[in-house]
Amino acid sequence: MLWIAILVGVVVMAAVVLIVIGMRDAGVEDPLQDRLAEFAARGEITDLEEIELSQPLTERVIFPIARKMGKLALRFTPQNAIQQTAKKLELAGNPAGMDPTVFWALRMAGLSLGALLFFVATIAPEGSFLKGRGLLIGIPAAAMGFFLPELWLGGRISKRQTDVRKAMPDALDLLTICVEAGLGFDAAMAKVYEKWDNVVALAFGRVIREIQLGKLRRDALKDMADRLGVPEMTSFVAAVIQSEQLGVSLARVLRIQADQMRIKRRQLAEEAAHKAPIKMLIPMAILIFPSICIVLMTPAVLMLMQSALSGILGF
């Protein structure tokens, strides 16, 4: 059983490494560029091979292997599924700089974990726990490993969209104040990006950079709405574009949009409050009610055991 445990441990460690690769911090700069800048600052002359060898083992070996596994998985994945994965990663804000290649590598690693457990169960010696339970263990493990990254990604999308809905009313209030003070819409978005550090402010900052690179403002705003995937943001972008085309006062449009967003946020909070009692039923029925029954019924049972009725009741 020792070698079986070692084999399972190696596979689990490989899956953990792939998950760490997929969820690593996106803000980390390219280590090769850092090394190159360091050598340039020192004035040392070196070749590219020496700089690559100076990188950590994870950057030289583990990350490339994971990406090659993902590319192999993408060859057998329908193009529509790849596009949907890229869209979901965009909606989630590209967590940890993940691309479809790494994401599908994580899913394939989880799937292979179930297959390995099934193989280990088939060759396990007689009398062991895994013997004869290959399908019972392998299928749930493969399904969990394959769909767990998808569930994680869906949770990130939901959280990001919730953060957008919470931050939009305050962001639109600041936009309204800046526009009424005489700033242009681009300068107002720059103020929001400068003052805050949330999803909406970062989205406005990307719009500003795209406009500076020559993109039309309406196209940049539409792309921002597509990246966020929030109906309220799509409505806001449509109202701003329409006011620009028709010549309507932008400050008035922003104020109306801010009031609507605030009402929508209050409605969502009330909806969540109404759902809370229903969600509390499951932990109450499973955890709280049994504990209350034990606390209340135990003294009565002890009294019955000590009374004359104990023989009649079978105590």
C-alpha atoms as a PDB file:
ATOM      1  CA  MET A   1       0.000   0.000   0.000  1.00  0.00           C
ATOM      2  CA  LEU A   2       2.975   2.315   0.459  1.00  0.00           C
ATOM      3  CA  TRP A   3       3.688   2.690  -3.254  1.00  0.00           C
ATOM      4  CA  ILE A   4      -0.008   3.300  -3.950  1.00  0.00           C
ATOM      5  CA  ALA A   5      -0.058   6.104  -1.389  1.00  0.00           C
ATOM      6  CA  ILE A   6       3.119   7.581  -2.877  1.00  0.00           C
ATOM      7  CA  LEU A   7       1.643   7.474  -6.401  1.00  0.00           C
ATOM      8  CA  VAL A   8      -1.577   9.161  -5.301  1.00  0.00           C
ATOM      9  CA  GLY A   9       0.400  11.777  -3.397  1.00  0.00           C
ATOM     10  CA  VAL A  10       2.512  12.596  -6.460  1.00  0.00           C
ATOM     11  CA  VAL A  11      -0.584  13.065  -8.610  1.00  0.00           C
ATOM     12  CA  VAL A  12      -2.246  15.246  -5.983  1.00  0.00           C
ATOM     13  CA  MET A  13       0.891  17.369  -5.704  1.00  0.00           C
ATOM     14  CA  ALA A  14       0.969  17.755  -9.503  1.00  0.00           C
ATOM     15  CA  ALA A  15      -2.650  18.924  -9.461  1.00  0.00           C
ATOM     16  CA  VAL A  16      -1.870  21.393  -6.678  1.00  0.00           C
ATOM     17  CA  VAL A  17       1.112  22.739  -8.640  1.00  0.00           C
ATOM     18  CA  LEU A  18      -1.082  23.277 -11.700  1.00  0.00           C
ATOM     19  CA  ILE A  19      -3.674  25.084  -9.586  1.00  0.00           C
ATOM     20  CA  VAL A  20      -0.964  27.319  -8.140  1.00  0.00           C
ATOM     21  CA  ILE A  21       0.237  28.056 -11.663  1.00  0.00           C
ATOM     22  CA  GLY A  22      -3.256  29.016 -12.745  1.00  0.00           C
ATOM     23  CA  MET A  23      -3.927  31.193  -9.707  1.00  0.00           C
ATOM     24  CA  ARG A  24      -0.574  32.912  -9.397  1.00  0.00           C
ATOM     25  CA  ASP A  25      -0.533  36.674  -9.013  1.00  0.00           C
ATOM     26  CA  ALA A  26      -1.156  38.483 -12.300  1.00  0.00           C
ATOM     27  CA  GLY A  27       0.643  41.594 -11.065  1.00  0.00           C
ATOM     28  CA  VAL A  28       4.035  39.892 -10.998  1.00  0.00           C
ATOM     29  CA  GLU A  29       6.283  41.239 -13.719  1.00  0.00           C
ATOM     30  CA  ASP A  30       8.076  39.067 -16.239  1.00  0.00           C
ATOM     31  CA  PRO A  31      11.161  37.671 -14.446  1.00  0.00           C
ATOM     32  CA  LEU A  32      13.147  37.583 -17.674  1.00  0.00           C
ATOM     33  CA  GLN A  33      12.566  41.302 -18.173  1.00  0.00           C
ATOM     34  CA  ASP A  34      13.522  41.959 -14.548  1.00  0.00           C
ATOM     35  CA  ARG A  35      16.774  40.054 -14.959  1.00  0.00           C
ATOM     36  CA  LEU A  36      17.530  41.863 -18.188  1.00  0.00           C
ATOM     37  CA  ALA A  37      16.905  45.250 -16.556  1.00  0.00           C
ATOM     38  CA  GLU A  38      19.089  44.246 -13.618  1.00  0.00           C
ATOM     39  CA  PHE A  39      22.009  43.284 -15.868  1.00  0.00           C
ATOM     40  CA  ALA A  40      21.538  46.464 -17.882  1.00  0.00           C
ATOM     41  CA  ALA A  41      21.617  48.597 -14.720  1.00  0.00           C
ATOM     42  CA  ARG A  42      24.858  46.920 -13.623  1.00  0.00           C
ATOM     43  CA  GLY A  43      26.390  47.467 -17.015  1.00  0.00           C
ATOM     44  CA  GLU A  44      27.179  43.788 -17.373  1.00  0.00           C
ATOM     45  CA  ILE A  45      27.189  42.241 -20.837  1.00  0.00           C
ATOM     46  CA  THR A  46      25.615  38.798 -20.957  1.00  0.00           C
ATOM     47  CA  ASP A  47      23.712  36.658 -23.388  1.00  0.00           C
ATOM     48  CA  LEU A  48      20.057  35.625 -23.320  1.00  0.00           C
ATOM     49  CA  GLU A  49      20.860  32.001 -22.416  1.00  0.00           C
ATOM     50  CA  GLU A  50      22.595  33.047 -19.208  1.00  0.00           C
ATOM     51  CA  ILE A  51      19.643  35.245 -18.256  1.00  0.00           C
ATOM     52  CA  GLU A  52      17.197  32.389 -18.856  1.00  0.00           C
ATOM     53  CA  LEU A  53      19.286  30.004 -16.754  1.00  0.00           C
ATOM     54  CA  SER A  54      19.232  32.528 -13.918  1.00  0.00           C
ATOM     55  CA  GLN A  55      15.433  32.287 -13.695  1.00  0.00           C
ATOM     56  CA  PRO A  56      13.742  30.087 -11.058  1.00  0.00           C
ATOM     57  CA  LEU A  57      12.923  26.476 -11.873  1.00  0.00           C
ATOM     58  CA  THR A  58       9.188  27.232 -11.934  1.00  0.00           C
ATOM     59  CA  GLU A  59       9.581  29.791 -14.716  1.00  0.00           C
ATOM     60  CA  ARG A  60      11.916  27.594 -16.781  1.00  0.00           C
ATOM     61  CA  VAL A  61      10.277  24.172 -16.385  1.00  0.00           C
ATOM     62  CA  ILE A  62       6.950  23.985 -14.540  1.00  0.00           C
ATOM     63  CA  PHE A  63       5.075  26.856 -16.207  1.00  0.00           C
ATOM     64  CA  PRO A  64       6.052  25.825 -19.767  1.00  0.00           C
ATOM     65  CA  ILE A  65       5.016  22.216 -19.070  1.00  0.00           C
ATOM     66  CA  ALA A  66       1.643  23.348 -17.771  1.00  0.00           C
ATOM     67  CA  ARG A  67       1.061  25.521 -20.806  1.00  0.00           C
ATOM     68  CA  LYS A  68       1.992  22.689 -23.166  1.00  0.00           C
ATOM     69  CA  MET A  69      -0.486  20.435 -21.373  1.00  0.00           C
ATOM     70  CA  GLY A  70      -3.119  23.117 -21.855  1.00  0.00           C
ATOM     71  CA  LYS A  71      -2.312  23.438 -25.548  1.00  0.00           C
ATOM     72  CA  LEU A  72      -2.614  19.661 -25.915  1.00  0.00           C
ATOM     73  CA  ALA A  73      -6.029  19.822 -24.262  1.00  0.00           C
ATOM     74  CA  LEU A  74      -7.086  22.674 -26.542  1.00  0.00           C
ATOM     75  CA  ARG A  75      -6.409  20.518 -29.610  1.00  0.00           C
ATOM     76  CA  PHE A  76      -9.226  18.194 -28.587  1.00  0.00           C
ATOM     77  CA  THR A  77     -11.514  20.973 -27.358  1.00  0.00           C
ATOM     78  CA  PRO A  78     -14.167  22.487 -29.653  1.00  0.00           C
ATOM     79  CA  GLN A  79     -13.454  26.025 -30.762  1.00  0.00           C
ATOM     80  CA  ASN A  80     -16.756  27.193 -29.351  1.00  0.00           C
ATOM     81  CA  ALA A  81     -15.774  25.947 -25.885  1.00  0.00           C
ATOM     82  CA  ILE A  82     -12.429  27.746 -26.129  1.00  0.00           C
ATOM     83  CA  GLN A  83     -14.150  31.003 -27.060  1.00  0.00           C
ATOM     84  CA  GLN A  84     -16.610  30.608 -24.205  1.00  0.00           C
ATOM     85  CA  THR A  85     -13.740  29.991 -21.798  1.00  0.00           C
ATOM     86  CA  ALA A  86     -11.930  33.112 -23.005  1.00  0.00           C
ATOM     87  CA  LYS A  87     -15.151  35.098 -22.593  1.00  0.00           C
ATOM     88  CA  LYS A  88     -15.676  33.798 -19.052  1.00  0.00           C
ATOM     89  CA  LEU A  89     -12.092  34.607 -18.128  1.00  0.00           C
ATOM     90  CA  GLU A  90     -12.641  38.124 -19.455  1.00  0.00           C
ATOM     91  CA  LEU A  91     -15.828  38.462 -17.410  1.00  0.00           C
ATOM     92  CA  ALA A  92     -13.931  37.277 -14.335  1.00  0.00           C
ATOM     93  CA  GLY A  93     -11.264  39.921 -14.910  1.00  0.00           C
ATOM     94  CA  ASN A  94      -8.579  37.464 -16.062  1.00  0.00           C
ATOM     95  CA  PRO A  95      -7.877  36.162 -12.527  1.00  0.00           C
ATOM     96  CA  ALA A  96      -4.187  35.585 -11.896  1.00  0.00           C
ATOM     97  CA  GLY A  97      -3.465  36.316 -15.561  1.00  0.00           C
ATOM     98  CA  MET A  98      -4.987  32.975 -16.528  1.00  0.00           C
ATOM     99  CA  ASP A  99      -5.553  32.164 -20.173  1.00  0.00           C
ATOM    100  CA  PRO A 100      -7.654  29.348 -21.718  1.00  0.00           C
ATOM    101  CA  THR A 101      -4.546  27.185 -22.035  1.00  0.00           C
ATOM    102  CA  VAL A 102      -3.816  27.125 -18.308  1.00  0.00           C
ATOM    103  CA  PHE A 103      -7.516  26.825 -17.449  1.00  0.00           C
ATOM    104  CA  TRP A 104      -7.981  23.709 -19.575  1.00  0.00           C
ATOM    105  CA  ALA A 105      -4.723  22.307 -18.202  1.00  0.00           C
ATOM    106  CA  LEU A 106      -6.263  22.557 -14.728  1.00  0.00           C
ATOM    107  CA  ARG A 107      -9.414  20.760 -15.906  1.00  0.00           C
ATOM    108  CA  MET A 108      -7.442  17.988 -17.596  1.00  0.00           C
ATOM    109  CA  ALA A 109      -5.315  17.548 -14.474  1.00  0.00           C
ATOM    110  CA  GLY A 110      -8.458  17.078 -12.391  1.00  0.00           C
ATOM    111  CA  LEU A 111      -9.847  14.604 -14.916  1.00  0.00           C
ATOM    112  CA  SER A 112      -6.633  12.598 -14.957  1.00  0.00           C
ATOM    113  CA  LEU A 113      -6.699  12.438 -11.166  1.00  0.00           C
ATOM    114  CA  GLY A 114      -9.970  10.478 -11.313  1.00  0.00           C
ATOM    115  CA  ALA A 115      -8.560   8.170 -13.984  1.00  0.00           C
ATOM    116  CA  LEU A 116      -5.477   7.518 -11.874  1.00  0.00           C
ATOM    117  CA  LEU A 117      -7.563   6.707  -8.805  1.00  0.00           C
ATOM    118  CA  PHE A 118      -9.567   4.248 -10.900  1.00  0.00           C
ATOM    119  CA  PHE A 119      -6.327   2.604 -12.120  1.00  0.00           C
ATOM    120  CA  VAL A 120      -4.929   2.421  -8.597  1.00  0.00           C
ATOM    121  CA  ALA A 121      -8.177   0.804  -7.393  1.00  0.00           C
ATOM    122  CA  THR A 122      -7.941  -1.888 -10.076  1.00  0.00           C
ATOM    123  CA  ILE A 123      -4.389  -2.908  -9.157  1.00  0.00           C
ATOM    124  CA  ALA A 124      -4.811  -2.524  -5.393  1.00  0.00           C
ATOM    125  CA  PRO A 125      -4.166  -5.702  -3.383  1.00  0.00           C
ATOM    126  CA  GLU A 126      -6.999  -7.749  -1.928  1.00  0.00           C
ATOM    127  CA  GLY A 127      -8.378  -6.490   1.354  1.00  0.00           C
ATOM    128  CA  SER A 128      -7.413  -2.851   0.759  1.00  0.00           C
ATOM    129  CA  PHE A 129      -9.917  -0.027   0.928  1.00  0.00           C
ATOM    130  CA  LEU A 130      -9.569   0.873  -2.775  1.00  0.00           C
ATOM    131  CA  LYS A 131     -10.023  -2.655  -4.076  1.00  0.00           C
ATOM    132  CA  GLY A 132     -13.311  -2.979  -5.973  1.00  0.00           C
ATOM    133  CA  ARG A 133     -14.203   0.685  -5.528  1.00  0.00           C
ATOM    134  CA  GLY A 134     -12.655   2.068  -8.706  1.00  0.00           C
ATOM    135  CA  LEU A 135     -15.862   3.407 -10.228  1.00  0.00           C
ATOM    136  CA  LEU A 136     -17.147   4.561  -6.845  1.00  0.00           C
ATOM    137  CA  ILE A 137     -14.034   6.669  -6.252  1.00  0.00           C
ATOM    138  CA  GLY A 138     -12.729   7.428  -9.738  1.00  0.00           C
ATOM    139  CA  ILE A 139     -15.894   8.815 -11.364  1.00  0.00           C
ATOM    140  CA  PRO A 140     -16.741  11.340  -8.597  1.00  0.00           C
ATOM    141  CA  ALA A 141     -13.085  12.391  -8.360  1.00  0.00           C
ATOM    142  CA  ALA A 142     -12.832  12.908 -12.131  1.00  0.00           C
ATOM    143  CA  ALA A 143     -16.118  14.840 -12.245  1.00  0.00           C
ATOM    144  CA  MET A 144     -15.097  17.012  -9.305  1.00  0.00           C
ATOM    145  CA  GLY A 145     -11.634  17.675 -10.714  1.00  0.00           C
ATOM    146  CA  PHE A 146     -13.034  18.541 -14.142  1.00  0.00           C
ATOM    147  CA  PHE A 147     -15.862  20.825 -13.021  1.00  0.00           C
ATOM    148  CA  LEU A 148     -14.274  22.424  -9.961  1.00  0.00           C
ATOM    149  CA  PRO A 149     -12.300  25.032 -12.009  1.00  0.00           C
ATOM    150  CA  GLU A 150     -15.525  25.891 -13.845  1.00  0.00           C
ATOM    151  CA  LEU A 151     -17.359  26.407 -10.559  1.00  0.00           C
ATOM    152  CA  TRP A 152     -14.491  28.517  -9.250  1.00  0.00           C
ATOM    153  CA  LEU A 153     -14.563  30.668 -12.378  1.00  0.00           C
ATOM    154  CA  GLY A 154     -18.329  31.115 -12.123  1.00  0.00           C
ATOM    155  CA  GLY A 155     -17.907  32.278  -8.542  1.00  0.00           C
ATOM    156  CA  ARG A 156     -15.298  34.830  -9.587  1.00  0.00           C
ATOM    157  CA  ILE A 157     -17.611  36.169 -12.302  1.00  0.00           C
ATOM    158  CA  SER A 158     -20.507  36.478  -9.871  1.00  0.00           C
ATOM    159  CA  LYS A 159     -18.346  38.234  -7.267  1.00  0.00           C
ATOM    160  CA  ARG A 160     -16.939  40.677  -9.814  1.00  0.00           C
ATOM    161  CA  GLN A 161     -20.385  41.576 -11.146  1.00  0.00           C
ATOM    162  CA  THR A 162     -21.627  42.088  -7.584  1.00  0.00           C
ATOM    163  CA  ASP A 163     -18.710  44.422  -6.911  1.00  0.00           C
ATOM    164  CA  VAL A 164     -19.571  46.363 -10.075  1.00  0.00           C
ATOM    165  CA  ARG A 165     -23.213  46.791  -9.001  1.00  0.00           C
ATOM    166  CA  LYS A 166     -22.130  47.995  -5.563  1.00  0.00           C
ATOM    167  CA  ALA A 167     -19.586  50.508  -6.880  1.00  0.00           C
ATOM    168  CA  MET A 168     -21.545  51.945  -9.813  1.00  0.00           C
ATOM    169  CA  PRO A 169     -23.841  54.416  -7.933  1.00  0.00           C
ATOM    170  CA  ASP A 170     -20.918  56.068  -6.126  1.00  0.00           C
ATOM    171  CA  ALA A 171     -18.862  56.151  -9.327  1.00  0.00           C
ATOM    172  CA  LEU A 172     -21.720  57.784 -11.246  1.00  0.00           C
ATOM    173  CA  ASP A 173     -22.171  60.342  -8.448  1.00  0.00           C
ATOM    174  CA  LEU A 174     -18.519  61.325  -8.771  1.00  0.00           C
ATOM    175  CA  LEU A 175     -18.871  61.450 -12.563  1.00  0.00           C
ATOM    176  CA  THR A 176     -21.912  63.721 -12.210  1.00  0.00           C
ATOM    177  CA  ILE A 177     -20.113  66.091  -9.818  1.00  0.00           C
ATOM    178  CA  CYS A 178     -17.073  66.303 -12.088  1.00  0.00           C
ATOM    179  CA  VAL A 179     -19.158  66.935 -15.219  1.00  0.00           C
ATOM    180  CA  GLU A 180     -21.280  69.575 -13.489  1.00  0.00           C
ATOM    181  CA  ALA A 181     -18.057  71.234 -12.298  1.00  0.00           C
ATOM    182  CA  GLY A 182     -17.012  71.702 -15.924  1.00  0.00           C
ATOM    183  CA  LEU A 183     -14.843  68.685 -16.655  1.00  0.00           C
ATOM    184  CA  GLY A 184     -15.278  66.609 -19.784  1.00  0.00           C
ATOM    185  CA  PHE A 185     -16.465  63.039 -19.609  1.00  0.00           C
ATOM    186  CA  ASP A 186     -12.977  61.636 -20.215  1.00  0.00           C
ATOM    187  CA  ALA A 187     -11.499  63.831 -17.476  1.00  0.00           C
ATOM    188  CA  ALA A 188     -14.325  62.773 -15.140  1.00  0.00           C
ATOM    189  CA  MET A 189     -13.524  59.094 -15.762  1.00  0.00           C
ATOM    190  CA  ALA A 190      -9.870  59.890 -15.060  1.00  0.00           C
ATOM    191  CA  LYS A 191     -10.894  61.378 -11.700  1.00  0.00           C
ATOM    192  CA  VAL A 192     -12.809  58.205 -10.804  1.00  0.00           C
ATOM    193  CA  TYR A 193      -9.782  56.129 -11.779  1.00  0.00           C
ATOM    194  CA  GLU A 194      -7.522  58.374  -9.716  1.00  0.00           C
ATOM    195  CA  LYS A 195      -9.629  58.462  -6.542  1.00  0.00           C
ATOM    196  CA  TRP A 196     -10.760  54.838  -6.246  1.00  0.00           C
ATOM    197  CA  ASP A 197      -9.334  51.374  -6.599  1.00  0.00           C
ATOM    198  CA  ASN A 198     -12.253  49.080  -7.475  1.00  0.00           C
ATOM    199  CA  VAL A 199     -13.529  47.198 -10.508  1.00  0.00           C
ATOM    200  CA  VAL A 200     -15.406  50.177 -11.998  1.00  0.00           C
ATOM    201  CA  ALA A 201     -12.458  52.547 -11.548  1.00  0.00           C
ATOM    202  CA  LEU A 202     -10.084  50.074 -13.199  1.00  0.00           C
ATOM    203  CA  ALA A 203     -12.556  49.631 -16.072  1.00  0.00           C
ATOM    204  CA  PHE A 204     -12.693  53.411 -16.564  1.00  0.00           C
ATOM    205  CA  GLY A 205      -8.897  53.547 -16.492  1.00  0.00           C
ATOM    206  CA  ARG A 206      -8.692  50.975 -19.281  1.00  0.00           C
ATOM    207  CA  VAL A 207     -11.214  52.976 -21.326  1.00  0.00           C
ATOM    208  CA  ILE A 208      -9.074  56.083 -20.915  1.00  0.00           C
ATOM    209  CA  ARG A 209      -5.947  54.257 -22.090  1.00  0.00           C
ATOM    210  CA  GLU A 210      -7.792  52.849 -25.104  1.00  0.00           C
ATOM    211  CA  ILE A 211      -9.048  56.332 -26.025  1.00  0.00           C
ATOM    212  CA  GLN A 212      -5.505  57.704 -25.736  1.00  0.00           C
ATOM    213  CA  LEU A 213      -4.343  55.004 -28.133  1.00  0.00           C
ATOM    214  CA  GLY A 214      -6.831  56.192 -30.747  1.00  0.00           C
ATOM    215  CA  LYS A 215      -9.942  54.133 -30.092  1.00  0.00           C
ATOM    216  CA  LEU A 216     -13.307  55.825 -30.395  1.00  0.00           C
ATOM    217  CA  ARG A 217     -14.929  56.571 -27.076  1.00  0.00           C
ATOM    218  CA  ARG A 218     -18.185  54.817 -27.891  1.00  0.00           C
ATOM    219  CA  ASP A 219     -16.307  51.703 -28.996  1.00  0.00           C
ATOM    220  CA  ALA A 220     -14.186  51.735 -25.843  1.00  0.00           C
ATOM    221  CA  LEU A 221     -17.289  52.109 -23.666  1.00  0.00           C
ATOM    222  CA  LYS A 222     -19.075  49.267 -25.479  1.00  0.00           C
ATOM    223  CA  ASP A 223     -16.059  47.013 -25.016  1.00  0.00           C
ATOM    224  CA  MET A 224     -16.005  47.902 -21.310  1.00  0.00           C
ATOM    225  CA  ALA A 225     -19.671  46.897 -20.972  1.00  0.00           C
ATOM    226  CA  ASP A 226     -18.943  43.601 -22.753  1.00  0.00           C
ATOM    227  CA  ARG A 227     -15.993  42.880 -20.450  1.00  0.00           C
ATOM    228  CA  LEU A 228     -18.048  43.476 -17.305  1.00  0.00           C
ATOM    229  CA  GLY A 229     -21.215  41.705 -18.464  1.00  0.00           C
ATOM    230  CA  VAL A 230     -23.495  43.699 -16.134  1.00  0.00           C
ATOM    231  CA  PRO A 231     -26.844  44.863 -17.589  1.00  0.00           C
ATOM    232  CA  GLU A 232     -26.704  48.077 -15.542  1.00  0.00           C
ATOM    233  CA  MET A 233     -23.346  49.011 -17.084  1.00  0.00           C
ATOM    234  CA  THR A 234     -24.668  48.224 -20.573  1.00  0.00           C
ATOM    235  CA  SER A 235     -27.643  50.540 -19.939  1.00  0.00           C
ATOM    236  CA  PHE A 236     -25.326  53.269 -18.666  1.00  0.00           C
ATOM    237  CA  VAL A 237     -23.054  53.035 -21.710  1.00  0.00           C
ATOM    238  CA  ALA A 238     -26.039  53.121 -24.068  1.00  0.00           C
ATOM    239  CA  ALA A 239     -27.389  56.235 -22.315  1.00  0.00           C
ATOM    240  CA  VAL A 240     -24.020  58.011 -22.523  1.00  0.00           C
ATOM    241  CA  ILE A 241     -23.609  57.200 -26.223  1.00  0.00           C
ATOM    242  CA  GLN A 242     -27.161  58.285 -26.977  1.00  0.00           C
ATOM    243  CA  SER A 243     -26.743  61.573 -25.117  1.00  0.00           C
ATOM    244  CA  GLU A 244     -23.550  62.248 -27.073  1.00  0.00           C
ATOM    245  CA  GLN A 245     -25.275  61.573 -30.391  1.00  0.00           C
ATOM    246  CA  LEU A 246     -28.448  63.581 -29.604  1.00  0.00           C
ATOM    247  CA  GLY A 247     -26.765  66.440 -27.790  1.00  0.00           C
ATOM    248  CA  VAL A 248     -28.578  65.905 -24.479  1.00  0.00           C
ATOM    249  CA  SER A 249     -27.044  67.291 -21.287  1.00  0.00           C
ATOM    250  CA  LEU A 250     -24.593  64.664 -20.087  1.00  0.00           C
ATOM    251  CA  ALA A 251     -24.789  65.804 -16.451  1.00  0.00           C
ATOM    252  CA  ARG A 252     -28.561  65.253 -16.388  1.00  0.00           C
ATOM    253  CA  VAL A 253     -28.192  61.805 -17.943  1.00  0.00           C
ATOM    254  CA  LEU A 254     -25.530  60.855 -15.395  1.00  0.00           C
ATOM    255  CA  ARG A 255     -27.688  62.032 -12.486  1.00  0.00           C
ATOM    256  CA  ILE A 256     -30.672  60.000 -13.714  1.00  0.00           C
ATOM    257  CA  GLN A 257     -28.461  56.956 -14.208  1.00  0.00           C
ATOM    258  CA  ALA A 258     -26.980  57.361 -10.713  1.00  0.00           C
ATOM    259  CA  ASP A 259     -30.466  57.494  -9.152  1.00  0.00           C
ATOM    260  CA  GLN A 260     -31.531  54.391 -11.066  1.00  0.00           C
ATOM    261  CA  MET A 261     -28.382  52.518 -10.026  1.00  0.00           C
ATOM    262  CA  ARG A 262     -28.977  53.431  -6.385  1.00  0.00           C
ATOM    263  CA  ILE A 263     -32.564  52.189  -6.565  1.00  0.00           C
ATOM    264  CA  LYS A 264     -31.371  48.992  -8.247  1.00  0.00           C
ATOM    265  CA  ARG A 265     -28.751  48.435  -5.545  1.00  0.00           C
ATOM    266  CA  ARG A 266     -31.347  48.889  -2.821  1.00  0.00           C
ATOM    267  CA  GLN A 267     -33.661  46.433  -4.558  1.00  0.00           C
ATOM    268  CA  LEU A 268     -30.872  43.865  -4.799  1.00  0.00           C
ATOM    269  CA  ALA A 269     -30.128  44.320  -1.087  1.00  0.00           C
ATOM    270  CA  GLU A 270     -33.794  43.791  -0.227  1.00  0.00           C
ATOM    271  CA  GLU A 271     -33.909  40.705  -2.438  1.00  0.00           C
ATOM    272  CA  ALA A 272     -30.856  39.258  -0.676  1.00  0.00           C
ATOM    273  CA  ALA A 273     -32.461  40.028   2.700  1.00  0.00           C
ATOM    274  CA  HIS A 274     -35.636  38.187   1.686  1.00  0.00           C
ATOM    275  CA  LYS A 275     -33.619  35.155   0.574  1.00  0.00           C
ATOM    276  CA  ALA A 276     -31.696  34.966   3.838  1.00  0.00           C
ATOM    277  CA  PRO A 277     -34.425  33.195   5.928  1.00  0.00           C
ATOM    278  CA  ILE A 278     -34.845  30.514   3.263  1.00  0.00           C
ATOM    279  CA  LYS A 279     -31.100  29.936   3.059  1.00  0.00           C
ATOM    280  CA  MET A 280     -30.949  29.651   6.846  1.00  0.00           C
ATOM    281  CA  LEU A 281     -33.378  26.718   6.873  1.00  0.00           C
ATOM    282  CA  ILE A 282     -30.781  24.192   5.692  1.00  0.00           C
ATOM    283  CA  PRO A 283     -28.153  24.828   8.424  1.00  0.00           C
ATOM    284  CA  MET A 284     -30.929  25.163  11.000  1.00  0.00           C
ATOM    285  CA  ALA A 285     -32.503  21.835  10.017  1.00  0.00           C
ATOM    286  CA  ILE A 286     -29.167  19.994   9.845  1.00  0.00           C
ATOM    287  CA  LEU A 287     -27.191  21.573  12.693  1.00  0.00           C
ATOM    288  CA  ILE A 288     -29.314  23.651  15.062  1.00  0.00           C
ATOM    289  CA  PHE A 289     -32.568  21.691  15.412  1.00  0.00           C
ATOM    290  CA  PRO A 290     -30.861  18.332  16.187  1.00  0.00           C
ATOM    291  CA  SER A 291     -28.739  20.032  18.861  1.00  0.00           C
ATOM    292  CA  ILE A 292     -31.830  21.634  20.415  1.00  0.00           C
ATOM    293  CA  CYS A 293     -33.647  18.286  20.411  1.00  0.00           C
ATOM    294  CA  ILE A 294     -30.695  16.599  22.138  1.00  0.00           C
ATOM    295  CA  VAL A 295     -30.514  19.316  24.790  1.00  0.00           C
ATOM    296  CA  LEU A 296     -34.271  19.261  25.453  1.00  0.00           C
ATOM    297  CA  MET A 297     -34.908  15.519  25.218  1.00  0.00           C
ATOM    298  CA  THR A 298     -31.884  14.179  27.118  1.00  0.00           C
ATOM    299  CA  PRO A 299     -33.148  15.136  30.627  1.00  0.00           C
ATOM    300  CA  ALA A 300     -36.576  13.662  29.856  1.00  0.00           C
ATOM    301  CA  VAL A 301     -35.018  10.407  28.620  1.00  0.00           C
ATOM    302  CA  LEU A 302     -32.827  10.159  31.733  1.00  0.00           C
ATOM    303  CA  MET A 303     -35.847  10.708  33.974  1.00  0.00           C
ATOM    304  CA  LEU A 304     -37.794   7.997  32.140  1.00  0.00           C
ATOM    305  CA  MET A 305     -34.887   5.590  32.506  1.00  0.00           C
ATOM    306  CA  GLN A 306     -34.914   6.121  36.271  1.00  0.00           C
ATOM    307  CA  SER A 307     -38.715   5.959  36.638  1.00  0.00           C
ATOM    308  CA  ALA A 308     -41.057   2.968  36.932  1.00  0.00           C
ATOM    309  CA  LEU A 309     -41.850   3.231  33.223  1.00  0.00           C
ATOM    310  CA  SER A 310     -38.331   2.191  32.253  1.00  0.00           C
ATOM    311  CA  GLY A 311     -39.214  -1.487  32.187  1.00  0.00           C
ATOM    312  CA  ILE A 312     -42.368  -0.918  30.161  1.00  0.00           C
ATOM    313  CA  LEU A 313     -40.574   1.279  27.628  1.00  0.00           C
ATOM    314  CA  GLY A 314     -37.635  -1.100  27.309  1.00  0.00           C
ATOM    315  CA  PHE A 315     -35.052   1.169  28.982  1.00  0.00           C
END
